[in-house]
């Protein structure tokens, strides 16, 4: 059957509700009993059929198929949802270049309103993560650090995101885990393209990139780049721009890889098995676009509280021997 003749029912055979759940990076997992992904749901009152074709929300009485589900998560009408399902299923017209399947469309998420934060927010985050305010201020100037007040939980949060507006991760400013994430402190907001590197577009004018695992290391890299590379404390004339992957298990988005071409890249992963695997994976991906990335190793470094340093953020708390071993140039030039 020609791709352009695919019916919506055939497309829904290919694109199920679990597929959409994963694509939009929705919280939790689809199951016979789970939490609703688009509203506060303290007790599981949402259900996805075993075959993944139907959902029902016992809290609101709403239900339907993959098209109805997509209407809710993408906030589009039924016509747009049908077109998206067809695109997701690869129903490209034969006039597409070389008759290749269409690339999966990129639906931008609808994030809450972020703000620039107050001096009190910067001070609180500086104390929480042990990062000097200058680094946080530079991250704010670059547009990759924002703040918001969660309407759902009535708490203040700090957010890493960027001008692409396709990926955002929030952490509570009080350092506590999110109630709905079973102890996790990092909340990748619904709809995010989780594998899009934060700050990559903003890094295009820099010759070097510090590719960091997670938001805290991302902010720590801003401070370290300033400390090591600026010609004067009031300037931002660094050679290196921090970029973040918000999880060691994520692969760099294919469309993002080309933006690393011609850059000197150093990867900062966590000192655990997942972090080491992430570093290897990202280095292999970067090699496909001609980038030979180096990797930072914090194993063996000791913090001032005598605990081992597990990541770049921890390296801001090294004891004197640790700083001596670390050397003067952590960020790539």
Protein backbone atom coordinates (compact mmCIF):
# COMPACT_ATOMS: atom_id res chain seq x y z
CA UNK A 1 0.00 0.00 0.00
CA UNK A 2 1.33 3.46 -0.88
CA UNK A 3 2.18 5.58 2.12
CA UNK A 4 0.02 8.47 0.91
CA UNK A 5 -3.07 6.24 1.01
CA UNK A 6 -2.71 5.26 4.63
CA UNK A 7 -5.95 5.71 6.53
CA UNK A 8 -6.19 7.16 10.01
CA UNK A 9 -7.18 3.72 11.36
CA UNK A 10 -4.06 2.18 9.83
CA UNK A 11 -1.96 4.99 11.33
CA UNK A 12 -3.46 4.31 14.77
CA UNK A 13 -2.41 0.68 14.40
CA UNK A 14 1.18 1.94 14.19
CA UNK A 15 1.02 4.79 16.71
CA UNK A 16 -0.42 3.73 20.05
CA UNK A 17 -0.99 5.70 23.23
CA UNK A 18 2.22 4.32 24.82
CA UNK A 19 4.11 5.51 21.72
CA UNK A 20 2.72 9.01 22.19
CA UNK A 21 3.36 8.89 25.93
CA UNK A 22 7.05 8.24 25.27
CA UNK A 23 7.28 10.74 22.42
CA UNK A 24 5.97 13.59 24.58
CA UNK A 25 8.03 12.48 27.58
CA UNK A 26 4.95 12.40 29.82
CA UNK A 27 5.38 11.63 33.53
CA UNK A 28 4.88 8.09 34.76
CA UNK A 29 4.13 5.08 32.58
CA UNK A 30 0.94 4.11 30.74
CA UNK A 31 -0.79 1.14 32.40
CA UNK A 32 -4.16 -0.32 33.31
CA UNK A 33 -3.93 1.81 36.44
CA UNK A 34 -1.75 4.93 36.31
CA UNK A 35 -1.83 8.67 36.94
CA UNK A 36 -3.27 11.10 34.41
CA UNK A 37 -0.37 12.73 32.54
CA UNK A 38 -2.02 16.14 32.02
CA UNK A 39 -3.60 16.98 35.36
CA UNK A 40 -2.87 16.58 39.06
CA UNK A 41 -3.80 13.04 39.98
CA UNK A 42 -2.87 12.13 43.56
CA UNK A 43 -4.26 8.60 43.23
CA UNK A 44 -4.08 6.64 39.99
CA UNK A 45 -7.36 7.23 38.16
CA UNK A 46 -6.22 6.85 34.57
CA UNK A 47 -6.22 3.70 32.47
CA UNK A 48 -4.68 2.64 29.16
CA UNK A 49 -5.94 -0.54 27.52
CA UNK A 50 -3.61 -3.52 27.23
CA UNK A 51 -3.26 -3.07 23.48
CA UNK A 52 -2.46 0.64 23.93
CA UNK A 53 -5.29 1.81 21.69
CA UNK A 54 -7.69 3.34 24.23
CA UNK A 55 -7.55 5.45 27.39
CA UNK A 56 -10.04 6.41 30.04
CA UNK A 57 -9.78 9.08 32.74
CA UNK A 58 -11.97 8.04 35.67
CA UNK A 59 -11.42 11.42 37.28
CA UNK A 60 -12.94 13.45 34.45
CA UNK A 61 -14.94 10.81 32.57
CA UNK A 62 -12.99 11.49 29.36
CA UNK A 63 -11.69 8.74 27.13
CA UNK A 64 -10.88 7.85 23.58
CA UNK A 65 -8.22 6.59 21.20
CA UNK A 66 -4.75 7.80 20.21
CA UNK A 67 -6.14 10.79 18.31
CA UNK A 68 -8.16 11.93 21.33
CA UNK A 69 -5.10 11.40 23.53
CA UNK A 70 -2.94 13.47 21.18
CA UNK A 71 -5.51 16.29 21.22
CA UNK A 72 -5.05 16.50 24.99
CA UNK A 73 -1.26 16.32 25.21
CA UNK A 74 -0.50 18.50 22.17
CA UNK A 75 -3.44 20.86 22.75
CA UNK A 76 -4.59 20.73 19.15
CA UNK A 77 -7.94 20.11 17.47
CA UNK A 78 -8.99 16.75 16.03
CA UNK A 79 -7.97 17.64 12.48
CA UNK A 80 -4.45 18.58 13.52
CA UNK A 81 -4.22 15.48 15.72
CA UNK A 82 -5.17 13.26 12.78
CA UNK A 83 -2.52 14.87 10.57
CA UNK A 84 0.08 14.41 13.31
CA UNK A 85 -0.81 10.73 13.77
CA UNK A 86 -0.41 10.18 10.03
CA UNK A 87 2.97 11.92 10.10
CA UNK A 88 4.08 9.93 13.16
CA UNK A 89 3.15 6.75 11.31
CA UNK A 90 5.40 7.74 8.41
CA UNK A 91 2.63 8.44 5.93
CA UNK A 92 4.74 10.72 3.75
CA UNK A 93 3.56 11.60 0.23
CA UNK A 94 5.63 10.00 -2.54
CA UNK A 95 6.85 13.43 -3.64
CA UNK A 96 9.11 13.68 -0.57
CA UNK A 97 12.87 13.74 -1.37
CA UNK A 98 14.15 10.35 -2.53
CA UNK A 99 10.87 8.87 -1.33
CA UNK A 100 12.28 8.64 2.21
CA UNK A 101 9.90 8.36 5.15
CA UNK A 102 9.11 11.76 6.58
CA UNK A 103 11.05 12.78 9.65
CA UNK A 104 8.98 12.69 12.76
CA UNK A 105 7.46 16.14 13.27
CA UNK A 106 8.64 18.20 16.19
CA UNK A 107 5.74 19.48 18.22
CA UNK A 108 6.84 22.20 20.58
CA UNK A 109 5.64 21.73 24.14
CA UNK A 110 3.48 24.25 25.96
CA UNK A 111 5.57 25.13 29.01
CA UNK A 112 4.40 27.26 31.93
CA UNK A 113 5.60 30.85 32.17
CA UNK A 114 9.20 31.13 33.38
CA UNK A 115 10.77 34.24 34.92
CA UNK A 116 14.31 35.55 35.35
CA UNK A 117 14.33 35.08 39.11
CA UNK A 118 15.05 37.51 41.89
CA UNK A 119 18.25 38.15 43.81
CA UNK A 120 16.78 35.97 46.54
CA UNK A 121 16.27 33.13 44.02
CA UNK A 122 19.88 33.39 42.85
CA UNK A 123 21.11 33.49 46.43
CA UNK A 124 19.04 30.46 47.40
CA UNK A 125 20.24 28.46 44.39
CA UNK A 126 23.84 29.49 45.04
CA UNK A 127 23.61 28.19 48.59
CA UNK A 128 21.76 25.03 47.55
CA UNK A 129 24.24 23.96 44.84
CA UNK A 130 27.43 25.64 46.09
CA UNK A 131 27.80 27.64 42.87
CA UNK A 132 28.95 31.25 43.05
CA UNK A 133 26.29 33.77 41.96
CA UNK A 134 28.40 35.00 39.01
CA UNK A 135 28.03 31.64 37.27
CA UNK A 136 24.28 31.58 37.86
CA UNK A 137 23.95 35.15 36.63
CA UNK A 138 25.77 34.29 33.40
CA UNK A 139 23.49 31.28 32.89
CA UNK A 140 20.55 33.64 33.34
CA UNK A 141 21.99 36.11 30.83
CA UNK A 142 22.36 33.28 28.31
CA UNK A 143 18.70 32.42 28.86
CA UNK A 144 19.39 28.88 30.05
CA UNK A 145 18.50 29.40 33.72
CA UNK A 146 14.98 30.43 34.61
CA UNK A 147 12.64 30.18 37.59
CA UNK A 148 8.97 29.52 38.09
CA UNK A 149 6.39 28.90 40.78
CA UNK A 150 4.68 25.56 40.34
CA UNK A 151 0.93 26.05 40.44
CA UNK A 152 0.53 22.34 41.04
CA UNK A 153 2.72 22.19 44.15
CA UNK A 154 2.94 25.87 45.16
CA UNK A 155 6.73 25.78 45.39
CA UNK A 156 9.46 27.82 43.77
CA UNK A 157 11.63 25.97 41.23
CA UNK A 158 14.71 26.60 39.13
CA UNK A 159 14.55 25.54 35.50
CA UNK A 160 17.16 24.80 32.84
CA UNK A 161 15.86 25.54 29.36
CA UNK A 162 16.80 27.73 26.41
CA UNK A 163 15.49 29.79 23.51
CA UNK A 164 14.59 26.63 21.55
CA UNK A 165 11.69 26.15 24.01
CA UNK A 166 11.62 22.42 23.39
CA UNK A 167 13.23 21.03 26.55
CA UNK A 168 12.94 22.11 30.16
CA UNK A 169 13.74 20.48 33.48
CA UNK A 170 12.65 21.85 36.84
CA UNK A 171 14.05 21.27 40.32
CA UNK A 172 12.65 22.60 43.56
CA UNK A 173 14.51 25.54 45.04
CA UNK A 174 14.16 24.00 48.50
CA UNK A 175 16.12 20.96 47.32
CA UNK A 176 13.30 18.52 48.00
CA UNK A 177 12.10 15.82 45.60
CA UNK A 178 8.91 16.25 43.58
CA UNK A 179 5.96 14.57 45.25
CA UNK A 180 4.68 12.98 42.03
CA UNK A 181 8.01 11.52 40.88
CA UNK A 182 8.70 8.92 43.57
CA UNK A 183 11.67 10.72 45.09
CA UNK A 184 13.18 12.25 41.95
CA UNK A 185 14.44 15.82 42.21
CA UNK A 186 14.54 16.45 38.45
CA UNK A 187 11.24 16.93 36.61
CA UNK A 188 11.51 16.99 32.82
CA UNK A 189 8.40 18.95 31.94
CA UNK A 190 5.71 17.21 29.88
CA UNK A 191 6.17 17.50 26.14
CA UNK A 192 9.93 18.13 26.33
CA UNK A 193 12.19 16.73 23.65
CA UNK A 194 14.29 15.18 26.40
CA UNK A 195 17.23 14.37 24.11
CA UNK A 196 17.67 17.93 22.82
CA UNK A 197 20.88 19.47 24.32
CA UNK A 198 20.09 22.55 26.39
CA UNK A 199 22.02 25.65 25.31
CA UNK A 200 23.37 24.23 22.05
CA UNK A 201 22.07 27.04 19.83
CA UNK A 202 23.43 29.58 22.31
CA UNK A 203 26.85 27.89 22.02
CA UNK A 204 27.26 28.39 18.27
CA UNK A 205 29.49 31.46 18.55
CA UNK A 206 31.90 29.68 20.93
CA UNK A 207 34.81 27.53 19.74
CA UNK A 208 34.50 25.06 22.65
CA UNK A 209 31.65 23.26 24.42
CA UNK A 210 31.45 21.72 27.88
CA UNK A 211 28.86 18.96 27.43
CA UNK A 212 27.48 18.28 30.91
CA UNK A 213 25.27 15.57 32.36
CA UNK A 214 22.38 17.21 34.21
CA UNK A 215 21.34 20.67 35.35
CA UNK A 216 23.61 21.11 38.40
CA UNK A 217 26.78 20.30 36.44
CA UNK A 218 25.53 22.58 33.65
CA UNK A 219 25.34 25.51 36.08
CA UNK A 220 28.66 24.59 37.71
CA UNK A 221 30.29 24.71 34.27
CA UNK A 222 29.11 28.30 33.85
CA UNK A 223 30.97 29.32 36.99
CA UNK A 224 34.11 27.33 36.12
CA UNK A 225 34.24 28.78 32.60
CA UNK A 226 34.14 32.30 34.05
CA UNK A 227 36.70 31.51 36.74
CA UNK A 228 39.17 29.98 34.31
CA UNK A 229 38.77 31.95 31.11
CA UNK A 230 37.54 35.54 31.44
CA UNK A 231 40.03 38.36 31.10
CA UNK A 232 38.19 40.43 33.75
CA UNK A 233 35.51 39.48 36.30
CA UNK A 234 33.03 41.89 34.71
CA UNK A 235 33.38 40.28 31.25
CA UNK A 236 31.97 37.11 29.70
CA UNK A 237 34.76 36.57 27.15
CA UNK A 238 35.06 32.83 27.61
CA UNK A 239 36.02 30.43 24.85
CA UNK A 240 33.72 27.74 26.23
CA UNK A 241 29.93 27.49 26.41
CA UNK A 242 28.24 24.91 28.65
CA UNK A 243 25.63 22.62 27.08
CA UNK A 244 23.52 20.07 28.97
CA UNK A 245 22.14 16.61 28.33
CA UNK A 246 19.52 16.05 31.03
CA UNK A 247 20.11 12.36 31.63
CA UNK A 248 22.93 9.87 31.01
CA UNK A 249 20.54 7.44 29.33
CA UNK A 250 19.59 9.88 26.57
CA UNK A 251 21.07 9.96 23.08
CA UNK A 252 21.88 13.31 21.50
CA UNK A 253 19.07 14.25 19.12
CA UNK A 254 20.10 13.49 15.52
CA UNK A 255 19.26 17.02 14.37
CA UNK A 256 21.49 18.45 17.10
CA UNK A 257 24.66 16.56 16.22
CA UNK A 258 25.54 18.78 13.24
CA UNK A 259 25.62 21.80 15.60
CA UNK A 260 28.67 20.31 17.33
CA UNK A 261 30.72 20.26 14.12
CA UNK A 262 33.97 22.19 14.32
CA UNK A 263 33.78 22.55 18.11
CA UNK A 264 36.24 21.38 20.73
CA UNK A 265 34.13 19.32 23.13
CA UNK A 266 34.82 17.98 26.60
CA UNK A 267 32.21 15.72 28.18
CA UNK A 268 31.45 15.89 31.89
CA UNK A 269 29.64 12.77 33.04
CA UNK A 270 28.91 11.54 36.56
CA UNK A 271 31.32 9.14 38.23
CA UNK A 272 28.99 6.14 38.14
CA UNK A 273 28.28 3.39 35.65
CA UNK A 274 25.39 5.22 34.01
CA UNK A 275 27.49 8.37 33.66
CA UNK A 276 30.41 6.49 32.12
CA UNK A 277 28.12 4.80 29.64
CA UNK A 278 26.63 8.18 28.76
CA UNK A 279 30.07 9.65 28.10
CA UNK A 280 31.00 6.77 25.79
CA UNK A 281 27.69 7.00 23.95
CA UNK A 282 27.91 10.77 23.39
CA UNK A 283 31.55 10.53 22.30
CA UNK A 284 30.60 7.87 19.75
CA UNK A 285 27.74 10.02 18.45
CA UNK A 286 29.96 13.09 18.18
CA UNK A 287 32.56 11.09 16.28
CA UNK A 288 29.99 10.56 13.50
CA UNK A 289 30.15 14.32 12.77
CA UNK A 290 33.93 14.54 13.03
CA UNK A 291 34.19 15.68 16.65
CA UNK A 292 36.80 13.93 18.80
CA UNK A 293 35.59 14.71 22.31
CA UNK A 294 37.68 14.46 25.45
CA UNK A 295 36.20 13.37 28.78
CA UNK A 296 36.66 14.78 32.27
CA UNK A 297 37.33 12.24 35.02
CA UNK A 298 36.60 13.21 38.63
CA UNK A 299 37.28 9.77 40.10
CA UNK A 300 39.61 9.95 43.10
CA UNK A 301 38.91 13.61 43.84
CA UNK A 302 37.80 14.37 47.41
CA UNK A 303 35.46 17.14 48.58
CA UNK A 304 36.15 19.34 51.60
CA UNK A 305 33.77 17.16 53.65
CA UNK A 306 35.97 14.13 52.80
CA UNK A 307 33.35 12.60 50.53
CA UNK A 308 34.32 11.57 46.99
CA UNK A 309 33.47 13.99 44.21
CA UNK A 310 30.90 12.33 41.97
CA UNK A 311 30.32 15.05 39.39
CA UNK A 312 31.40 18.50 38.20
CA UNK A 313 29.19 20.29 40.73
CA UNK A 314 30.97 18.35 43.51
CA UNK A 315 34.29 19.64 42.16
CA UNK A 316 33.37 23.12 43.39
CA UNK A 317 33.78 21.68 46.90
CA UNK A 318 37.17 20.02 46.54
CA UNK A 319 39.70 20.20 49.35
CA UNK A 320 43.09 21.80 48.73
CA UNK A 321 44.67 18.53 47.57
CA UNK A 322 41.77 17.97 45.19
CA UNK A 323 42.11 21.41 43.66
CA UNK A 324 45.84 20.85 43.18
CA UNK A 325 45.15 17.56 41.39
CA UNK A 326 42.36 19.11 39.35
CA UNK A 327 44.70 21.61 37.75
CA UNK A 328 43.91 25.07 36.42
CA UNK A 329 42.05 24.26 33.22
CA UNK A 330 38.95 22.09 33.51
CA UNK A 331 36.91 23.76 30.80
CA UNK A 332 37.95 23.22 27.16
CA UNK A 333 39.56 26.11 25.30
